[in-house]
Protein backbone atom coordinates (compact mmCIF):
# COMPACT_ATOMS: atom_id res chain seq x y z
CA UNK A 1 -0.08 0.19 0.23
CA UNK A 2 1.14 3.48 -0.79
CA UNK A 3 2.42 5.55 1.91
CA UNK A 4 -0.06 8.88 2.81
CA UNK A 5 2.40 12.09 2.76
CA UNK A 6 1.56 14.08 5.88
CA UNK A 7 2.46 17.64 6.14
CA UNK A 8 3.92 18.56 9.81
CA UNK A 9 3.62 22.43 10.57
CA UNK A 10 5.92 23.83 13.48
CA UNK A 11 7.31 26.64 15.29
CA UNK A 12 5.12 29.89 14.34
CA UNK A 13 5.23 33.39 15.16
CA UNK A 14 3.74 32.89 18.13
CA UNK A 15 4.70 33.44 22.44
CA UNK A 16 4.37 29.42 22.11
CA UNK A 17 6.89 28.93 19.67
CA UNK A 18 9.07 26.62 21.78
CA UNK A 19 6.26 24.48 23.00
CA UNK A 20 5.24 23.86 19.41
CA UNK A 21 8.93 22.55 18.76
CA UNK A 22 8.56 20.29 21.77
CA UNK A 23 5.01 19.11 20.54
CA UNK A 24 5.91 18.72 16.86
CA UNK A 25 8.84 16.59 18.02
CA UNK A 26 6.61 14.09 19.64
CA UNK A 27 4.28 13.83 16.52
CA UNK A 28 7.06 13.41 14.56
CA UNK A 29 9.00 10.57 16.32
CA UNK A 30 5.73 8.84 17.20
CA UNK A 31 3.93 8.72 13.69
CA UNK A 32 3.70 5.40 12.12
CA UNK A 33 6.54 5.76 9.42
CA UNK A 34 5.71 2.35 7.82
CA UNK A 35 2.04 4.23 6.68
CA UNK A 36 3.21 7.53 6.57
CA UNK A 37 6.15 9.91 5.01
CA UNK A 38 6.09 13.28 6.49
CA UNK A 39 6.77 16.35 5.03
CA UNK A 40 8.20 19.11 7.42
CA UNK A 41 7.48 22.78 7.44
CA UNK A 42 8.60 25.07 10.03
CA UNK A 43 7.84 28.71 10.68
CA UNK A 44 10.69 31.12 12.41
CA UNK A 45 9.20 33.50 14.68
CA UNK A 46 9.76 36.31 12.28
CA UNK A 47 7.12 34.28 10.58
CA UNK A 48 9.37 32.83 7.67
CA UNK A 49 8.38 29.02 6.17
CA UNK A 50 10.67 26.41 5.30
CA UNK A 51 10.16 23.28 4.09
CA UNK A 52 12.68 21.49 6.69
CA UNK A 53 14.78 18.59 6.20
CA UNK A 54 17.78 17.55 8.58
CA UNK A 55 17.82 15.82 12.00
CA UNK A 56 14.70 15.81 14.38
CA UNK A 57 16.85 16.53 17.07
CA UNK A 58 17.14 19.38 15.96
CA UNK A 59 13.82 20.87 16.06
CA UNK A 60 13.70 19.98 19.66
CA UNK A 61 17.13 21.46 20.36
CA UNK A 62 15.55 24.82 18.67
CA UNK A 63 18.71 24.82 16.29
CA UNK A 64 16.71 23.45 12.94
CA UNK A 65 16.68 26.92 11.30
CA UNK A 66 20.50 27.30 11.82
CA UNK A 67 21.78 23.53 11.40
CA UNK A 68 19.10 22.39 9.24
CA UNK A 69 18.77 21.77 5.48
CA UNK A 70 16.15 24.16 5.09
CA UNK A 71 14.33 25.74 1.69
CA UNK A 72 12.18 28.59 1.44
CA UNK A 73 8.14 26.96 1.27
CA UNK A 74 4.83 27.75 0.38
CA UNK A 75 1.57 26.35 0.79
CA UNK A 76 0.04 26.78 -2.72
CA UNK A 77 -3.58 28.35 -2.69
CA UNK A 78 -4.14 26.93 -5.89
CA UNK A 79 -6.50 23.78 -4.54
CA UNK A 80 -5.53 21.84 -7.93
CA UNK A 81 -1.70 21.44 -6.40
CA UNK A 82 -2.95 20.18 -2.72
CA UNK A 83 0.59 20.70 -1.69
CA UNK A 84 3.59 22.46 -0.97
CA UNK A 85 5.87 24.85 -3.03
CA UNK A 86 9.62 25.10 -2.62
CA UNK A 87 10.18 28.36 -3.86
CA UNK A 88 13.80 28.28 -3.83
CA UNK A 89 14.03 24.88 -5.61
CA UNK A 90 12.58 25.68 -9.17
CA UNK A 91 9.02 25.82 -7.50
CA UNK A 92 8.96 22.06 -6.93
CA UNK A 93 5.66 20.82 -5.83
CA UNK A 94 5.36 18.25 -3.14
CA UNK A 95 1.43 16.95 -2.73
CA UNK A 96 0.18 15.93 0.77
CA UNK A 97 -2.59 13.86 1.37
CA UNK A 98 -3.10 15.87 4.67
CA UNK A 99 -1.97 18.48 6.79
CA UNK A 100 -1.32 19.14 10.62
CA UNK A 101 0.01 22.59 12.16
CA UNK A 102 0.83 21.64 15.47
CA UNK A 103 1.00 25.25 16.28
CA UNK A 104 -0.27 26.75 19.62
CA UNK A 105 -1.17 30.30 20.22
CA UNK A 106 -1.80 33.44 17.61
CA UNK A 107 -1.07 32.97 14.11
CA UNK A 108 -1.21 29.11 14.50
CA UNK A 109 -4.42 27.84 16.71
CA UNK A 110 -6.60 31.17 16.15
CA UNK A 111 -8.01 30.30 12.17
CA UNK A 112 -5.05 32.30 10.64
CA UNK A 113 -3.07 28.99 9.32
CA UNK A 114 -6.43 26.98 9.15
CA UNK A 115 -7.35 29.59 6.59
CA UNK A 116 -4.37 29.10 4.48
CA UNK A 117 -5.12 25.58 4.35
CA UNK A 118 -8.95 25.87 3.51
CA UNK A 119 -8.09 27.84 0.24
CA UNK A 120 -5.56 24.97 -0.61
CA UNK A 121 -7.70 22.27 -0.47
CA UNK A 122 -5.51 20.19 1.43
CA UNK A 123 -7.51 18.00 4.13
CA UNK A 124 -7.00 19.81 7.68
CA UNK A 125 -5.95 17.87 10.61
CA UNK A 126 -7.67 19.52 13.82
CA UNK A 127 -10.58 22.69 13.69
CA UNK A 128 -11.73 24.60 11.05
CA UNK A 129 -11.58 28.31 10.63
CA UNK A 130 -14.65 28.71 12.48
CA UNK A 131 -13.83 26.77 15.52
CA UNK A 132 -10.07 28.02 15.86
CA UNK A 133 -11.39 31.52 16.03
CA UNK A 134 -14.31 31.01 18.20
CA UNK A 135 -12.29 29.03 20.39
CA UNK A 136 -9.36 31.30 21.04
CA UNK A 137 -11.42 34.39 21.64
CA UNK A 138 -12.33 33.73 25.53
CA UNK A 139 -15.35 36.08 25.63
CA UNK A 140 -17.15 34.64 22.38
CA UNK A 141 -16.64 31.26 23.73
CA UNK A 142 -17.79 31.48 27.00
CA UNK A 143 -21.02 33.89 25.75
CA UNK A 144 -21.98 30.89 23.09
CA UNK A 145 -21.43 28.48 25.54
CA UNK A 146 -23.51 30.38 28.09
CA UNK A 147 -26.10 30.64 26.08
CA UNK A 148 -26.54 27.08 26.19
CA UNK A 149 -27.10 26.58 30.05
CA UNK A 150 -23.62 26.07 30.96
CA UNK A 151 -22.25 28.21 33.65
CA UNK A 152 -19.33 30.27 32.78
CA UNK A 153 -17.50 32.80 35.25
CA UNK A 154 -18.88 36.41 35.72
CA UNK A 155 -16.38 38.55 33.55
CA UNK A 156 -16.03 42.11 31.92
CA UNK A 157 -13.91 42.91 28.66
CA UNK A 158 -11.60 45.98 28.31
CA UNK A 159 -9.50 47.02 25.56
CA UNK A 160 -6.25 49.23 25.03
CA UNK A 161 -8.15 51.95 24.57
CA UNK A 162 -10.20 51.81 27.56
CA UNK A 163 -10.07 55.02 30.21
CA UNK A 164 -9.16 54.55 33.58
CA UNK A 165 -12.88 55.27 34.86
CA UNK A 166 -13.93 52.65 32.05
CA UNK A 167 -12.06 50.70 33.92
CA UNK A 168 -12.87 51.08 37.45
CA UNK A 169 -16.84 51.32 36.90
CA UNK A 170 -16.39 47.96 34.91
CA UNK A 171 -14.63 46.28 37.59
CA UNK A 172 -17.71 47.37 40.30
CA UNK A 173 -19.45 44.23 38.81
CA UNK A 174 -16.92 41.77 39.67
CA UNK A 175 -15.83 40.82 43.29
CA UNK A 176 -11.87 39.49 44.21
CA UNK A 177 -9.86 37.54 43.63
CA UNK A 178 -9.96 37.92 39.66
CA UNK A 179 -8.16 36.71 37.00
CA UNK A 180 -6.80 39.11 34.19
CA UNK A 181 -5.99 37.46 30.69
CA UNK A 182 -5.18 38.18 27.65
CA UNK A 183 -8.51 37.66 24.82
CA UNK A 184 -6.64 35.89 22.84
CA UNK A 185 -3.62 33.89 24.32
CA UNK A 186 -2.65 30.37 25.28
CA UNK A 187 -0.04 28.30 27.86
CA UNK A 188 -1.25 31.04 30.41
CA UNK A 189 0.91 33.74 29.09
CA UNK A 190 -0.02 37.40 30.30
CA UNK A 191 -2.50 35.48 32.93
CA UNK A 192 -2.28 37.34 36.60
CA UNK A 193 -4.44 36.09 39.64
CA UNK A 194 -5.51 39.72 41.28
CA UNK A 195 -6.63 39.55 44.95
CA UNK A 196 -7.11 42.96 45.63
CA UNK A 197 -7.98 46.48 43.50
CA UNK A 198 -4.01 47.75 44.08
CA UNK A 199 -2.72 45.08 42.05
CA UNK A 200 -5.11 45.20 39.05
CA UNK A 201 -3.02 47.73 36.90
CA UNK A 202 -0.10 45.74 36.66
CA UNK A 203 -1.66 42.80 35.55
CA UNK A 204 -3.80 44.86 32.74
CA UNK A 205 -0.79 46.19 31.35
CA UNK A 206 0.82 42.68 31.39
CA UNK A 207 -1.96 41.11 29.45
CA UNK A 208 -2.47 43.76 27.05
CA UNK A 209 1.49 42.61 25.98
CA UNK A 210 -0.12 39.62 24.29
CA UNK A 211 -3.36 41.59 23.35
CA UNK A 212 -5.33 44.82 22.44
CA UNK A 213 -8.16 43.32 24.31
CA UNK A 214 -8.32 41.55 27.64
CA UNK A 215 -11.02 40.05 29.88
CA UNK A 216 -11.47 39.55 33.41
CA UNK A 217 -12.75 37.13 35.14
CA UNK A 218 -14.15 36.06 38.64
CA UNK A 219 -12.31 33.30 40.46
CA UNK A 220 -14.11 29.93 40.40
CA UNK A 221 -13.57 28.38 43.72
CA UNK A 222 -12.58 24.30 43.27
CA UNK A 223 -10.42 22.67 41.00
CA UNK A 224 -9.30 22.73 37.59
CA UNK A 225 -10.79 19.79 35.46
CA UNK A 226 -9.78 18.75 31.71
CA UNK A 227 -11.48 16.53 29.33
CA UNK A 228 -9.96 15.39 26.23
CA UNK A 229 -12.34 14.60 23.25
CA UNK A 230 -11.54 13.29 19.48
CA UNK A 231 -13.59 12.41 16.50
CA UNK A 232 -16.48 14.35 14.19
CA UNK A 233 -19.82 12.46 14.41
CA UNK A 234 -18.93 9.75 16.91
CA UNK A 235 -16.90 11.46 19.77
CA UNK A 236 -14.13 9.12 21.84
CA UNK A 237 -14.21 10.85 25.05
CA UNK A 238 -10.76 10.50 27.34
CA UNK A 239 -10.16 10.28 30.84
CA UNK A 240 -11.07 13.40 32.91
CA UNK A 241 -7.86 14.69 34.30
CA UNK A 242 -7.60 16.90 37.64
CA UNK A 243 -4.73 19.52 38.15
CA UNK A 244 -4.04 19.52 41.90
CA UNK A 245 -1.96 23.01 42.93
CA UNK A 246 -0.01 23.70 45.94
CA UNK A 247 -0.46 27.21 45.29
CA UNK A 248 -1.06 30.20 43.03
CA UNK A 249 -2.84 28.84 39.35
CA UNK A 250 -1.92 26.68 36.95
CA UNK A 251 0.59 29.53 35.04
CA UNK A 252 2.90 28.98 32.06
CA UNK A 253 5.95 27.45 34.32
CA UNK A 254 3.36 25.23 36.22
CA UNK A 255 2.14 23.76 32.85
CA UNK A 256 5.64 22.92 31.66
CA UNK A 257 7.79 21.88 34.61
CA UNK A 258 5.09 20.74 36.96
CA UNK A 259 7.37 22.35 39.66
CA UNK A 260 4.55 22.77 42.28
CA UNK A 261 1.56 20.99 40.94
CA UNK A 262 0.38 17.65 39.85
CA UNK A 263 -1.91 15.95 37.18
CA UNK A 264 -4.04 13.56 38.44
CA UNK A 265 -5.40 11.25 35.53
CA UNK A 266 -8.07 10.08 36.26
CA UNK A 267 -9.43 12.73 38.24
CA UNK A 268 -9.93 12.26 41.99
CA UNK A 269 -13.70 12.87 41.80
CA UNK A 270 -17.03 10.74 42.22
CA UNK A 271 -17.99 8.91 38.86
CA UNK A 272 -20.97 10.40 38.58
CA UNK A 273 -19.41 13.73 38.24
CA UNK A 274 -16.68 12.59 36.17
CA UNK A 275 -19.30 11.10 33.77
CA UNK A 276 -21.07 14.52 34.04
CA UNK A 277 -18.18 16.65 33.02
CA UNK A 278 -17.72 14.14 30.18
CA UNK A 279 -21.28 14.98 28.84
CA UNK A 280 -20.88 19.02 29.48
CA UNK A 281 -17.18 18.91 27.73
CA UNK A 282 -18.90 16.92 24.69
CA UNK A 283 -21.60 19.50 24.58
CA UNK A 284 -18.87 22.34 24.40
CA UNK A 285 -17.01 20.84 21.93
CA UNK A 286 -19.83 20.45 19.48
CA UNK A 287 -21.48 23.93 20.21
CA UNK A 288 -18.49 25.73 19.16
CA UNK A 289 -17.82 23.39 16.35
CA UNK A 290 -14.71 21.28 17.10
CA UNK A 291 -13.46 18.94 14.56
CA UNK A 292 -11.26 16.08 14.79
CA UNK A 293 -9.95 16.57 18.54
CA UNK A 294 -9.54 19.27 20.90
CA UNK A 295 -9.36 19.40 25.02
CA UNK A 296 -11.85 21.04 27.06
CA UNK A 297 -10.94 22.80 30.37
CA UNK A 298 -13.34 23.34 32.87
CA UNK A 299 -13.79 24.21 36.71
CA UNK A 300 -15.11 22.23 39.50
CA UNK A 301 -16.60 23.71 42.39
CA UNK A 302 -16.87 22.22 45.91
CA UNK A 303 -20.56 22.06 45.67
CA UNK A 304 -20.37 19.72 42.28
CA UNK A 305 -21.00 22.78 39.96
CA UNK A 306 -19.32 22.45 36.36
CA UNK A 307 -17.89 25.78 34.93
CA UNK A 308 -16.24 26.09 31.35
CA UNK A 309 -13.13 27.49 31.41
CA UNK A 310 -11.70 27.42 27.61
CA UNK A 311 -11.24 24.99 24.69
CA UNK A 312 -7.43 24.01 23.52
CA UNK A 313 -7.90 23.19 20.02
CA UNK A 314 -4.77 22.26 19.49
CA UNK A 315 -3.35 21.01 23.24
CA UNK A 316 0.14 20.25 24.09
CA UNK A 317 1.34 17.38 21.85
CA UNK A 318 4.04 15.67 23.69
CA UNK A 319 3.61 12.39 24.88
CA UNK A 320 3.41 13.35 28.25
CA UNK A 321 0.86 16.10 27.69
CA UNK A 322 -2.22 16.19 28.95
CA UNK A 323 -4.89 15.35 25.70
CA UNK A 324 -2.32 11.99 24.98
CA UNK A 325 -2.64 11.27 28.74
CA UNK A 326 -6.46 11.39 28.70
CA UNK A 327 -6.69 9.30 25.41
CA UNK A 328 -4.25 6.60 27.18
CA UNK A 329 -6.20 5.99 30.28
CA UNK A 330 -8.98 5.00 27.51
CA UNK A 331 -6.79 2.62 25.49
CA UNK A 332 -5.58 4.79 22.69
CA UNK A 333 -1.59 5.18 22.64
CA UNK A 334 0.19 7.75 21.09
CA UNK A 335 0.68 6.24 17.67
CA UNK A 336 -2.52 5.08 17.70
CA UNK A 337 -3.81 8.73 18.20
CA UNK A 338 -2.46 10.24 15.55
CA UNK A 339 -2.93 7.20 13.28
CA UNK A 340 -6.89 8.07 14.31
CA UNK A 341 -6.32 11.73 13.75
CA UNK A 342 -5.02 11.10 10.23
CA UNK A 343 -7.73 8.54 9.57
CA UNK A 344 -10.37 11.22 10.28
CA UNK A 345 -9.05 13.50 7.40
CA UNK A 346 -7.63 10.98 4.77
CA UNK A 347 -10.72 8.79 4.96
CA UNK A 348 -13.73 11.58 4.69
C-alpha cells in the first residue's frame, strides 16, 4: 500500500513557539513511518516558512533553522496542487494527503493558518477556521457556551483604548479575587491572579502585552479539570484529569515543569461527576463546532457545579501532555492517537 504524505507544521510567529517545537517533535517521532511519509514545514519566530530536512533532534533543540537544511516554501492556495511549493527549488511541488498544524497560540491556533489550509484544499487535521477563531476568543466562546445553559465565570472585557474611569466602573461588577487574561493567548501567557484592587493596574498592563483586548474574570472556587475529545460525529472521550495546585494557579511555568503542582489522571472525583463532566465537555465541543480533536478545560466547585473555562483546539502534544495522557487512560496510545487523527481526514 502506498504511503500517505502528511505535512507537519511547527514553530510559528507566536509566544508559544517553543511549546510547538516540543509538540511537533513528539508527533514526528511517534507517527507510524510504515504508513506515512512526512513533510516538515517550519515557521520561524519572524514568520518565515521553510521546508525542513534534517535531524529531528534539531527541532527539539531549537537549532533547526540554523543547522538543518531549510528551503523557502509556501502552501499553494491553488486547490489543484494540494501541496507545498519549494520556492527556492524551481517551484517544486510536494503533494500532501493531509496537513497537521502542530502550532500553539496566535497565528497558529486562531484560524489564520487554518484559513490558508482551507484555500489549499489539503485536508486539515484539527479544527477549522470558525472553530479555531471562536475557541481562541475567551469572551465569545464563553458567551456562546453560556447561552446553552452551561455556567461560566462572571467577567468584563476591556481594550487598550479604555480609560481609567471606564475600567473602574466595569470592575465594580466583579468580586475579588480576579483573573486578568489576554483575550486571545494560550499557555497562560499574560495571565495574572489579582487579589486586591492595588494589583489590577499591573495585571492589565501585563495582559495587554499579548493582546489589544483583555478579559477579567471572577475566580471560581474549586479545582480545574480537563477532558480530551477525539472525533466528529462519533466522539471518543478520554478520562477526566485534575490539576492539583499547591499554590497560585496553573501558569506557564507550572504547565511545563509541574514544579509545585500535579496532574491526576483519572481525576479524584466521583464517577457520577466525571460522567457529567464528560457530557458537558462533549456538549461544549459541539457548540463550538470543534473538529477532529480538542481539550475542554473546566472548573469543578466544592458543590459539584461545572463551569466552562476554555477549549484548546491544538493542546500540548508531547507524549506526557494532558491530552495524550487522558486518551491513554481509555486505551489509545500516542501512535494510535495520531493514526486516528490522520484517518479522520484521509477517509472523509
